[in-house]
PDB file of N, CA and C in Angstrom:
ATOM      1  N   MET A   1     -61.910 -22.876  -9.860  1.00  0.00           N
ATOM      2  CA  MET A   1     -63.147 -22.432 -10.523  1.00  0.00           C
ATOM      3  C   MET A   1     -62.990 -21.487 -11.755  1.00  0.00           C
ATOM      4  N   ILE A   2     -62.394 -20.795 -11.506  1.00  0.00           N
ATOM      5  CA  ILE A   2     -61.748 -20.513 -13.256  1.00  0.00           C
ATOM      6  C   ILE A   2     -61.960 -21.556 -14.426  1.00  0.00           C
ATOM      7  N   GLU A   3     -60.704 -22.260 -14.027  1.00  0.00           N
ATOM      8  CA  GLU A   3     -60.688 -23.470 -15.229  1.00  0.00           C
ATOM      9  C   GLU A   3     -61.712 -23.747 -15.416  1.00  0.00           C
ATOM     10  N   ARG A   4     -63.248 -23.949 -14.850  1.00  0.00           N
ATOM     11  CA  ARG A   4     -64.501 -24.526 -16.032  1.00  0.00           C
ATOM     12  C   ARG A   4     -65.572 -23.861 -16.027  1.00  0.00           C
ATOM     13  N   GLU A   5     -64.765 -22.461 -16.289  1.00  0.00           N
ATOM     14  CA  GLU A   5     -66.190 -21.862 -16.622  1.00  0.00           C
ATOM     15  C   GLU A   5     -65.094 -21.400 -18.285  1.00  0.00           C
ATOM     16  N   SER A   6     -66.635 -21.426 -19.199  1.00  0.00           N
ATOM     17  CA  SER A   6     -66.656 -21.074 -19.967  1.00  0.00           C
ATOM     18  C   SER A   6     -65.595 -19.872 -20.879  1.00  0.00           C
ATOM     19  N   HIS A   7     -65.395 -18.356 -20.418  1.00  0.00           N
ATOM     20  CA  HIS A   7     -64.744 -17.641 -20.482  1.00  0.00           C
ATOM     21  C   HIS A   7     -63.961 -17.095 -19.969  1.00  0.00           C
ATOM     22  N   ALA A   8     -62.904 -18.515 -19.420  1.00  0.00           N
ATOM     23  CA  ALA A   8     -61.700 -18.634 -18.478  1.00  0.00           C
ATOM     24  C   ALA A   8     -60.721 -18.577 -19.778  1.00  0.00           C
ATOM     25  N   LEU A   9     -60.645 -18.519 -21.234  1.00  0.00           N
ATOM     26  CA  LEU A   9     -60.082 -18.081 -21.932  1.00  0.00           C
ATOM     27  C   LEU A   9     -59.783 -16.409 -21.667  1.00  0.00           C
ATOM     28  N   GLU A  10     -61.351 -16.259 -22.018  1.00  0.00           N
ATOM     29  CA  GLU A  10     -61.198 -14.700 -22.427  1.00  0.00           C
ATOM     30  C   GLU A  10     -60.322 -13.734 -21.033  1.00  0.00           C
ATOM     31  N   PHE A  11     -61.042 -14.265 -20.444  1.00  0.00           N
ATOM     32  CA  PHE A  11     -60.395 -13.424 -19.116  1.00  0.00           C
ATOM     33  C   PHE A  11     -58.627 -13.512 -18.877  1.00  0.00           C
ATOM     34  N   ALA A  12     -58.144 -14.546 -18.983  1.00  0.00           N
ATOM     35  CA  ALA A  12     -56.835 -15.145 -18.101  1.00  0.00           C
ATOM     36  C   ALA A  12     -56.361 -14.037 -20.294  1.00  0.00           C
ATOM     37  N   ASN A  13     -56.892 -13.682 -21.590  1.00  0.00           N
ATOM     38  CA  ASN A  13     -56.123 -13.297 -22.058  1.00  0.00           C
ATOM     39  C   ASN A  13     -56.467 -11.451 -21.238  1.00  0.00           C
ATOM     40  N   GLU A  14     -57.254 -11.235 -21.679  1.00  0.00           N
ATOM     41  CA  GLU A  14     -57.954  -9.788 -20.598  1.00  0.00           C
ATOM     42  C   GLU A  14     -57.001  -9.213 -19.385  1.00  0.00           C
ATOM     43  N   TYR A  15     -56.736 -10.711 -18.413  1.00  0.00           N
ATOM     44  CA  TYR A  15     -55.577 -10.016 -17.540  1.00  0.00           C
ATOM     45  C   TYR A  15     -54.826 -10.412 -17.649  1.00  0.00           C
ATOM     46  N   ALA A  16     -53.425 -10.986 -19.036  1.00  0.00           N
ATOM     47  CA  ALA A  16     -52.309 -10.875 -19.449  1.00  0.00           C
ATOM     48  C   ALA A  16     -51.770 -10.059 -20.189  1.00  0.00           C
ATOM     49  N   ILE A  17     -53.116  -8.888 -20.897  1.00  0.00           N
ATOM     50  CA  ILE A  17     -53.161  -7.890 -21.877  1.00  0.00           C
ATOM     51  C   ILE A  17     -52.548  -6.719 -20.609  1.00  0.00           C
ATOM     52  N   LEU A  18     -53.822  -6.683 -19.983  1.00  0.00           N
ATOM     53  CA  LEU A  18     -53.709  -5.640 -18.781  1.00  0.00           C
ATOM     54  C   LEU A  18     -52.789  -5.443 -18.097  1.00  0.00           C
ATOM     55  N   GLN A  19     -51.935  -6.666 -17.137  1.00  0.00           N
ATOM     56  CA  GLN A  19     -51.398  -6.856 -16.744  1.00  0.00           C
ATOM     57  C   GLN A  19     -49.379  -6.708 -17.282  1.00  0.00           C
ATOM     58  N   GLU A  20     -49.698  -6.697 -18.165  1.00  0.00           N
ATOM     59  CA  GLU A  20     -48.268  -6.541 -19.533  1.00  0.00           C
ATOM     60  C   GLU A  20     -48.201  -5.191 -20.171  1.00  0.00           C
ATOM     61  N   SER A  21     -49.451  -4.347 -20.260  1.00  0.00           N
ATOM     62  CA  SER A  21     -49.326  -2.935 -20.090  1.00  0.00           C
ATOM     63  C   SER A  21     -49.020  -1.641 -18.682  1.00  0.00           C
ATOM     64  N   LYS A  22     -48.949  -2.924 -18.234  1.00  0.00           N
ATOM     65  CA  LYS A  22     -48.694  -2.346 -15.952  1.00  0.00           C
ATOM     66  C   LYS A  22     -47.100  -2.542 -16.912  1.00  0.00           C
ATOM     67  N   VAL A  23     -46.463  -3.576 -17.439  1.00  0.00           N
ATOM     68  CA  VAL A  23     -45.442  -3.410 -16.763  1.00  0.00           C
ATOM     69  C   VAL A  23     -44.498  -2.402 -18.205  1.00  0.00           C
ATOM     70  N   LYS A  24     -45.061  -2.590 -18.998  1.00  0.00           N
ATOM     71  CA  LYS A  24     -43.984  -1.534 -19.870  1.00  0.00           C
ATOM     72  C   LYS A  24     -44.743  -0.708 -19.734  1.00  0.00           C
ATOM     73  N   ALA A  25     -45.644   0.176 -18.823  1.00  0.00           N
ATOM     74  CA  ALA A  25     -45.958   1.483 -18.643  1.00  0.00           C
ATOM     75  C   ALA A  25     -46.244   2.407 -19.831  1.00  0.00           C
ATOM     76  N   ASN A  26     -47.338   1.298 -20.617  1.00  0.00           N
ATOM     77  CA  ASN A  26     -48.147   1.635 -21.304  1.00  0.00           C
ATOM     78  C   ASN A  26     -49.034   2.669 -21.619  1.00  0.00           C
ATOM     79  N   LYS A  27     -48.517   4.064 -22.138  1.00  0.00           N
ATOM     80  CA  LYS A  27     -49.113   5.290 -21.733  1.00  0.00           C
ATOM     81  C   LYS A  27     -50.946   5.697 -22.753  1.00  0.00           C
ATOM     82  N   ASN A  28     -50.753   4.192 -23.545  1.00  0.00           N
ATOM     83  CA  ASN A  28     -52.393   4.413 -24.153  1.00  0.00           C
ATOM     84  C   ASN A  28     -53.515   2.970 -24.022  1.00  0.00           C
ATOM     85  N   LEU A  29     -52.579   2.787 -23.088  1.00  0.00           N
ATOM     86  CA  LEU A  29     -53.941   1.812 -23.059  1.00  0.00           C
ATOM     87  C   LEU A  29     -54.090   1.452 -21.395  1.00  0.00           C
ATOM     88  N   LEU A  30     -55.704   1.073 -21.210  1.00  0.00           N
ATOM     89  CA  LEU A  30     -55.929   0.880 -19.251  1.00  0.00           C
ATOM     90  C   LEU A  30     -54.348  -0.652 -19.430  1.00  0.00           C
ATOM     91  N   TYR A  31     -54.408   0.224 -17.556  1.00  0.00           N
ATOM     92  CA  TYR A  31     -53.609  -1.110 -17.176  1.00  0.00           C
ATOM     93  C   TYR A  31     -54.483  -1.682 -15.836  1.00  0.00           C
ATOM     94  N   LEU A  32     -53.697  -2.487 -15.712  1.00  0.00           N
ATOM     95  CA  LEU A  32     -53.591  -3.643 -14.892  1.00  0.00           C
ATOM     96  C   LEU A  32     -53.331  -3.149 -12.996  1.00  0.00           C
ATOM     97  N   ASP A  33     -54.729  -2.143 -12.866  1.00  0.00           N
ATOM     98  CA  ASP A  33     -54.231  -1.746 -10.848  1.00  0.00           C
ATOM     99  C   ASP A  33     -54.245  -2.638  -9.593  1.00  0.00           C
ATOM    100  N   GLY A  34     -55.033  -3.134  -9.968  1.00  0.00           N
ATOM    101  CA  GLY A  34     -54.908  -5.020  -8.995  1.00  0.00           C
ATOM    102  C   GLY A  34     -56.219  -5.728  -9.001  1.00  0.00           C
ATOM    103  N   THR A  35     -55.648  -6.960  -8.832  1.00  0.00           N
ATOM    104  CA  THR A  35     -57.077  -7.721  -8.716  1.00  0.00           C
ATOM    105  C   THR A  35     -57.925  -8.304  -7.825  1.00  0.00           C
ATOM    106  N   LEU A  36     -58.445  -9.470  -7.649  1.00  0.00           N
ATOM    107  CA  LEU A  36     -59.617  -9.842  -6.119  1.00  0.00           C
ATOM    108  C   LEU A  36     -60.108 -10.527  -6.989  1.00  0.00           C
ATOM    109  N   PHE A  37     -59.916 -11.930  -5.828  1.00  0.00           N
ATOM    110  CA  PHE A  37     -60.439 -13.186  -6.601  1.00  0.00           C
ATOM    111  C   PHE A  37     -60.899 -14.072  -5.555  1.00  0.00           C
ATOM    112  N   CYS A  38     -62.674 -14.058  -5.338  1.00  0.00           N
ATOM    113  CA  CYS A  38     -63.436 -14.354  -4.962  1.00  0.00           C
ATOM    114  C   CYS A  38     -63.681 -15.568  -4.889  1.00  0.00           C
ATOM    115  N   ASP A  39     -64.514 -16.831  -4.739  1.00  0.00           N
ATOM    116  CA  ASP A  39     -65.389 -17.817  -4.309  1.00  0.00           C
ATOM    117  C   ASP A  39     -66.255 -17.928  -5.779  1.00  0.00           C
ATOM    118  N   ALA A  40     -67.014 -16.585  -6.384  1.00  0.00           N
ATOM    119  CA  ALA A  40     -67.888 -15.953  -6.703  1.00  0.00           C
ATOM    120  C   ALA A  40     -67.757 -15.223  -7.945  1.00  0.00           C
ATOM    121  N   TYR A  41     -66.347 -15.003  -8.167  1.00  0.00           N
ATOM    122  CA  TYR A  41     -66.511 -13.955  -8.898  1.00  0.00           C
ATOM    123  C   TYR A  41     -64.712 -13.701  -8.577  1.00  0.00           C
ATOM    124  N   VAL A  42     -64.343 -13.050  -9.975  1.00  0.00           N
ATOM    125  CA  VAL A  42     -62.526 -12.259 -10.822  1.00  0.00           C
ATOM    126  C   VAL A  42     -63.006 -11.036 -10.441  1.00  0.00           C
ATOM    127  N   SER A  43     -62.129  -9.952  -9.892  1.00  0.00           N
ATOM    128  CA  SER A  43     -62.701  -8.370 -10.852  1.00  0.00           C
ATOM    129  C   SER A  43     -60.947  -8.181 -11.148  1.00  0.00           C
ATOM    130  N   LEU A  44     -61.029  -7.386 -12.043  1.00  0.00           N
ATOM    131  CA  LEU A  44     -59.388  -7.214 -12.247  1.00  0.00           C
ATOM    132  C   LEU A  44     -60.159  -5.848 -12.330  1.00  0.00           C
ATOM    133  N   ARG A  45     -59.158  -4.554 -11.358  1.00  0.00           N
ATOM    134  CA  ARG A  45     -60.046  -3.080 -11.098  1.00  0.00           C
ATOM    135  C   ARG A  45     -58.806  -2.003 -12.278  1.00  0.00           C
ATOM    136  N   VAL A  46     -58.615  -1.596 -12.365  1.00  0.00           N
ATOM    137  CA  VAL A  46     -58.145  -0.599 -13.838  1.00  0.00           C
ATOM    138  C   VAL A  46     -58.405   0.697 -13.257  1.00  0.00           C
ATOM    139  N   PRO A  47     -57.598   1.721 -13.662  1.00  0.00           N
ATOM    140  CA  PRO A  47     -58.269   3.143 -13.177  1.00  0.00           C
ATOM    141  C   PRO A  47     -58.525   4.009 -13.350  1.00  0.00           C
ATOM    142  N   ARG A  48     -59.668   4.773 -12.630  1.00  0.00           N
ATOM    143  CA  ARG A  48     -61.049   4.865 -12.998  1.00  0.00           C
ATOM    144  C   ARG A  48     -60.687   5.926 -13.698  1.00  0.00           C
ATOM    145  N   TYR A  49     -61.390   7.223 -14.522  1.00  0.00           N
ATOM    146  CA  TYR A  49     -61.622   7.843 -15.379  1.00  0.00           C
ATOM    147  C   TYR A  49     -63.162   8.703 -15.640  1.00  0.00           C
ATOM    148  N   GLU A  50     -63.160   9.884 -15.557  1.00  0.00           N
ATOM    149  CA  GLU A  50     -64.717  10.708 -15.261  1.00  0.00           C
ATOM    150  C   GLU A  50     -64.662  11.046 -16.412  1.00  0.00           C
ATOM    151  N   MET A  51     -64.510  10.032 -17.529  1.00  0.00           N
ATOM    152  CA  MET A  51     -65.454   9.089 -18.191  1.00  0.00           C
ATOM    153  C   MET A  51     -65.010   8.443 -19.503  1.00  0.00           C
ATOM    154  N   THR A  52     -66.074   7.619 -20.075  1.00  0.00           N
ATOM    155  CA  THR A  52     -65.789   6.542 -20.939  1.00  0.00           C
ATOM    156  C   THR A  52     -65.250   7.304 -22.130  1.00  0.00           C
ATOM    157  N   LEU A  53     -64.094   6.111 -23.150  1.00  0.00           N
ATOM    158  CA  LEU A  53     -64.054   6.447 -24.749  1.00  0.00           C
ATOM    159  C   LEU A  53     -64.990   7.199 -25.623  1.00  0.00           C
ATOM    160  N   ARG A  54     -65.962   5.915 -24.810  1.00  0.00           N
ATOM    161  CA  ARG A  54     -67.194   6.318 -25.925  1.00  0.00           C
ATOM    162  C   ARG A  54     -68.641   7.786 -25.459  1.00  0.00           C
ATOM    163  N   GLU A  55     -67.688   7.572 -24.474  1.00  0.00           N
ATOM    164  CA  GLU A  55     -68.987   9.171 -23.468  1.00  0.00           C
ATOM    165  C   GLU A  55     -67.600  10.298 -24.700  1.00  0.00           C
ATOM    166  N   TYR A  56     -66.385  10.397 -24.202  1.00  0.00           N
ATOM    167  CA  TYR A  56     -65.022  11.264 -24.493  1.00  0.00           C
ATOM    168  C   TYR A  56     -65.886  11.988 -25.982  1.00  0.00           C
ATOM    169  N   ILE A  57     -66.178  10.331 -27.278  1.00  0.00           N
ATOM    170  CA  ILE A  57     -66.086  11.262 -28.117  1.00  0.00           C
ATOM    171  C   ILE A  57     -67.152  11.590 -28.939  1.00  0.00           C
ATOM    172  N   ARG A  58     -68.347  11.214 -27.847  1.00  0.00           N
ATOM    173  CA  ARG A  58     -69.658  11.675 -28.139  1.00  0.00           C
ATOM    174  C   ARG A  58     -69.453  13.503 -27.615  1.00  0.00           C
ATOM    175  N   GLU A  59     -69.324  13.676 -27.084  1.00  0.00           N
ATOM    176  CA  GLU A  59     -69.497  14.648 -25.721  1.00  0.00           C
ATOM    177  C   GLU A  59     -68.132  15.898 -26.805  1.00  0.00           C
ATOM    178  N   SER A  60     -67.334  15.088 -27.380  1.00  0.00           N
ATOM    179  CA  SER A  60     -65.957  15.748 -27.921  1.00  0.00           C
ATOM    180  C   SER A  60     -66.209  16.356 -29.502  1.00  0.00           C
ATOM    181  N   ARG A  61     -66.698  15.511 -30.379  1.00  0.00           N
ATOM    182  CA  ARG A  61     -67.207  15.372 -31.637  1.00  0.00           C
ATOM    183  C   ARG A  61     -65.886  15.966 -32.886  1.00  0.00           C
ATOM    184  N   ASN A  62     -64.650  16.228 -32.658  1.00  0.00           N
ATOM    185  CA  ASN A  62     -64.295  16.753 -33.209  1.00  0.00           C
ATOM    186  C   ASN A  62     -63.545  15.566 -33.191  1.00  0.00           C
ATOM    187  N   PRO A  63     -63.771  15.401 -35.141  1.00  0.00           N
ATOM    188  CA  PRO A  63     -63.604  14.353 -35.731  1.00  0.00           C
ATOM    189  C   PRO A  63     -61.308  14.704 -36.239  1.00  0.00           C
ATOM    190  N   ALA A  64     -60.960  15.749 -35.751  1.00  0.00           N
ATOM    191  CA  ALA A  64     -59.203  16.045 -36.203  1.00  0.00           C
ATOM    192  C   ALA A  64     -59.240  14.750 -34.621  1.00  0.00           C
ATOM    193  N   GLU A  65     -59.305  15.052 -34.054  1.00  0.00           N
ATOM    194  CA  GLU A  65     -59.190  13.773 -32.184  1.00  0.00           C
ATOM    195  C   GLU A  65     -58.933  11.777 -32.504  1.00  0.00           C
ATOM    196  N   LEU A  66     -60.093  12.035 -33.340  1.00  0.00           N
ATOM    197  CA  LEU A  66     -60.723  10.333 -33.259  1.00  0.00           C
ATOM    198  C   LEU A  66     -59.608  10.010 -33.906  1.00  0.00           C
ATOM    199  N   ASN A  67     -58.432  10.493 -35.039  1.00  0.00           N
ATOM    200  CA  ASN A  67     -57.542  10.236 -36.112  1.00  0.00           C
ATOM    201  C   ASN A  67     -56.197   9.636 -34.397  1.00  0.00           C
ATOM    202  N   ASP A  68     -56.524  11.083 -33.535  1.00  0.00           N
ATOM    203  CA  ASP A  68     -55.206  10.860 -32.342  1.00  0.00           C
ATOM    204  C   ASP A  68     -55.919   9.480 -31.438  1.00  0.00           C
ATOM    205  N   ILE A  69     -56.585   9.986 -31.436  1.00  0.00           N
ATOM    206  CA  ILE A  69     -56.927   8.436 -30.654  1.00  0.00           C
ATOM    207  C   ILE A  69     -57.144   6.907 -31.097  1.00  0.00           C
ATOM    208  N   LEU A  70     -57.243   7.530 -32.586  1.00  0.00           N
ATOM    209  CA  LEU A  70     -56.450   5.728 -33.138  1.00  0.00           C
ATOM    210  C   LEU A  70     -55.415   5.267 -33.501  1.00  0.00           C
ATOM    211  N   ILE A  71     -54.455   6.495 -33.368  1.00  0.00           N
ATOM    212  CA  ILE A  71     -53.412   6.648 -33.030  1.00  0.00           C
ATOM    213  C   ILE A  71     -52.439   6.206 -32.228  1.00  0.00           C
ATOM    214  N   GLY A  72     -52.744   6.492 -31.088  1.00  0.00           N
ATOM    215  CA  GLY A  72     -53.161   5.499 -29.752  1.00  0.00           C
ATOM    216  C   GLY A  72     -53.082   4.827 -29.335  1.00  0.00           C
ATOM    217  N   ALA A  73     -54.588   4.104 -30.285  1.00  0.00           N
ATOM    218  CA  ALA A  73     -54.799   3.215 -29.562  1.00  0.00           C
ATOM    219  C   ALA A  73     -53.778   2.177 -30.383  1.00  0.00           C
ATOM    220  N   ILE A  74     -53.490   2.447 -31.719  1.00  0.00           N
ATOM    221  CA  ILE A  74     -52.398   1.433 -32.509  1.00  0.00           C
ATOM    222  C   ILE A  74     -51.631   1.414 -31.470  1.00  0.00           C
ATOM    223  N   LYS A  75     -50.192   1.948 -31.293  1.00  0.00           N
ATOM    224  CA  LYS A  75     -50.387   2.336 -30.710  1.00  0.00           C
ATOM    225  C   LYS A  75     -48.678   1.598 -29.513  1.00  0.00           C
ATOM    226  N   GLY A  76     -49.937   1.270 -28.390  1.00  0.00           N
ATOM    227  CA  GLY A  76     -50.682   0.701 -27.133  1.00  0.00           C
ATOM    228  C   GLY A  76     -50.403  -0.112 -28.200  1.00  0.00           C
ATOM    229  N   VAL A  77     -51.084  -0.481 -28.607  1.00  0.00           N
ATOM    230  CA  VAL A  77     -50.994  -2.219 -29.148  1.00  0.00           C
ATOM    231  C   VAL A  77     -49.864  -2.009 -29.422  1.00  0.00           C
ATOM    232  N   ARG A  78     -49.516  -1.882 -30.063  1.00  0.00           N
ATOM    233  CA  ARG A  78     -48.054  -2.238 -30.947  1.00  0.00           C
ATOM    234  C   ARG A  78     -46.754  -2.559 -29.845  1.00  0.00           C
ATOM    235  N   GLU A  79     -46.608  -1.158 -28.845  1.00  0.00           N
ATOM    236  CA  GLU A  79     -46.156  -2.111 -27.270  1.00  0.00           C
ATOM    237  C   GLU A  79     -46.034  -3.202 -26.905  1.00  0.00           C
ATOM    238  N   LEU A  80     -47.607  -3.380 -26.538  1.00  0.00           N
ATOM    239  CA  LEU A  80     -47.247  -5.084 -26.282  1.00  0.00           C
ATOM    240  C   LEU A  80     -46.595  -5.585 -27.186  1.00  0.00           C
ATOM    241  N   HIS A  81     -46.878  -6.210 -27.990  1.00  0.00           N
ATOM    242  CA  HIS A  81     -46.100  -7.324 -28.676  1.00  0.00           C
ATOM    243  C   HIS A  81     -44.550  -6.940 -29.037  1.00  0.00           C
TER     244      HIS A  81
END
Protein backbone atom coordinates (compact mmCIF):
# COMPACT_ATOMS: atom_id res chain seq x y z
CA MET A 1 0.00 0.00 0.00
CA ILE A 2 2.74 2.51 0.87
CA GLU A 3 4.49 1.99 -2.47
CA ARG A 4 1.48 3.46 -4.29
CA GLU A 5 1.44 6.65 -2.22
CA SER A 6 3.33 9.77 -3.30
CA HIS A 7 4.96 10.15 0.13
CA ALA A 8 6.48 6.64 0.17
CA LEU A 9 10.05 7.85 -0.42
CA GLU A 10 9.83 10.49 2.32
CA PHE A 11 8.47 7.90 4.74
CA ALA A 12 11.16 5.39 3.81
CA ASN A 13 13.87 8.02 4.36
CA GLU A 14 12.48 9.10 7.73
CA TYR A 15 12.16 5.48 8.83
CA ALA A 16 15.73 4.70 7.75
CA ILE A 17 17.16 7.76 9.54
CA LEU A 18 15.29 7.07 12.79
CA GLN A 19 16.26 3.38 12.69
CA GLU A 20 19.93 4.17 11.98
CA SER A 21 19.92 6.67 14.83
CA LYS A 22 18.75 3.91 17.18
CA VAL A 23 21.27 1.36 15.89
CA LYS A 24 24.15 3.79 16.35
CA ALA A 25 22.82 4.94 19.77
CA ASN A 26 22.89 8.51 18.50
CA LYS A 27 22.44 10.78 21.52
CA ASN A 28 21.89 13.92 19.44
CA LEU A 29 18.94 12.83 17.29
CA LEU A 30 15.57 11.15 17.81
CA TYR A 31 15.49 7.41 17.34
CA LEU A 32 12.83 4.95 16.31
CA ASP A 33 11.15 3.41 19.33
CA GLY A 34 8.66 1.31 17.38
CA THR A 35 6.41 1.08 14.33
CA LEU A 36 2.77 0.25 13.72
CA PHE A 37 1.61 -0.81 10.27
CA CYS A 38 -2.13 -0.85 9.58
CA ASP A 39 -4.21 -0.91 6.40
CA ALA A 40 -5.03 2.80 6.64
CA TYR A 41 -1.81 4.25 8.07
CA VAL A 42 1.73 3.74 9.31
CA SER A 43 2.87 5.12 12.65
CA LEU A 44 6.45 5.80 13.75
CA ARG A 45 6.88 5.89 17.51
CA VAL A 46 9.67 8.05 18.95
CA PRO A 47 10.44 8.90 22.60
CA ARG A 48 8.13 11.43 24.24
CA TYR A 49 9.72 14.56 25.65
CA GLU A 50 8.34 17.31 27.87
CA MET A 51 8.34 19.84 25.03
CA THR A 52 9.33 20.29 21.42
CA LEU A 53 12.60 21.89 20.41
CA ARG A 54 10.63 24.92 19.21
CA GLU A 55 8.97 25.29 22.62
CA TYR A 56 12.29 24.84 24.43
CA ILE A 57 13.98 27.54 22.36
CA ARG A 58 11.02 29.88 22.78
CA GLU A 59 10.91 29.40 26.57
CA SER A 60 14.62 29.40 27.36
CA ARG A 61 15.63 32.28 25.06
CA ASN A 62 19.27 31.62 25.85
CA PRO A 63 21.40 32.44 22.77
CA ALA A 64 24.35 30.50 24.18
CA GLU A 65 22.26 27.31 24.20
CA LEU A 66 21.24 27.74 20.56
CA ASN A 67 24.83 27.20 19.49
CA ASP A 68 25.05 23.99 21.55
CA ILE A 69 21.74 22.75 20.10
CA LEU A 70 22.92 23.34 16.53
CA ILE A 71 26.28 21.70 17.17
CA GLY A 72 24.50 18.69 18.69
CA ALA A 73 22.23 18.38 15.64
CA ILE A 74 25.22 18.61 13.29
CA LYS A 75 27.09 15.95 15.29
CA GLY A 76 24.00 13.74 15.18
CA VAL A 77 23.71 13.99 11.40
CA ARG A 78 27.46 13.40 11.04
CA GLU A 79 27.15 10.20 13.12
CA LEU A 80 24.61 8.86 10.62
CA HIS A 81 27.07 9.06 7.72
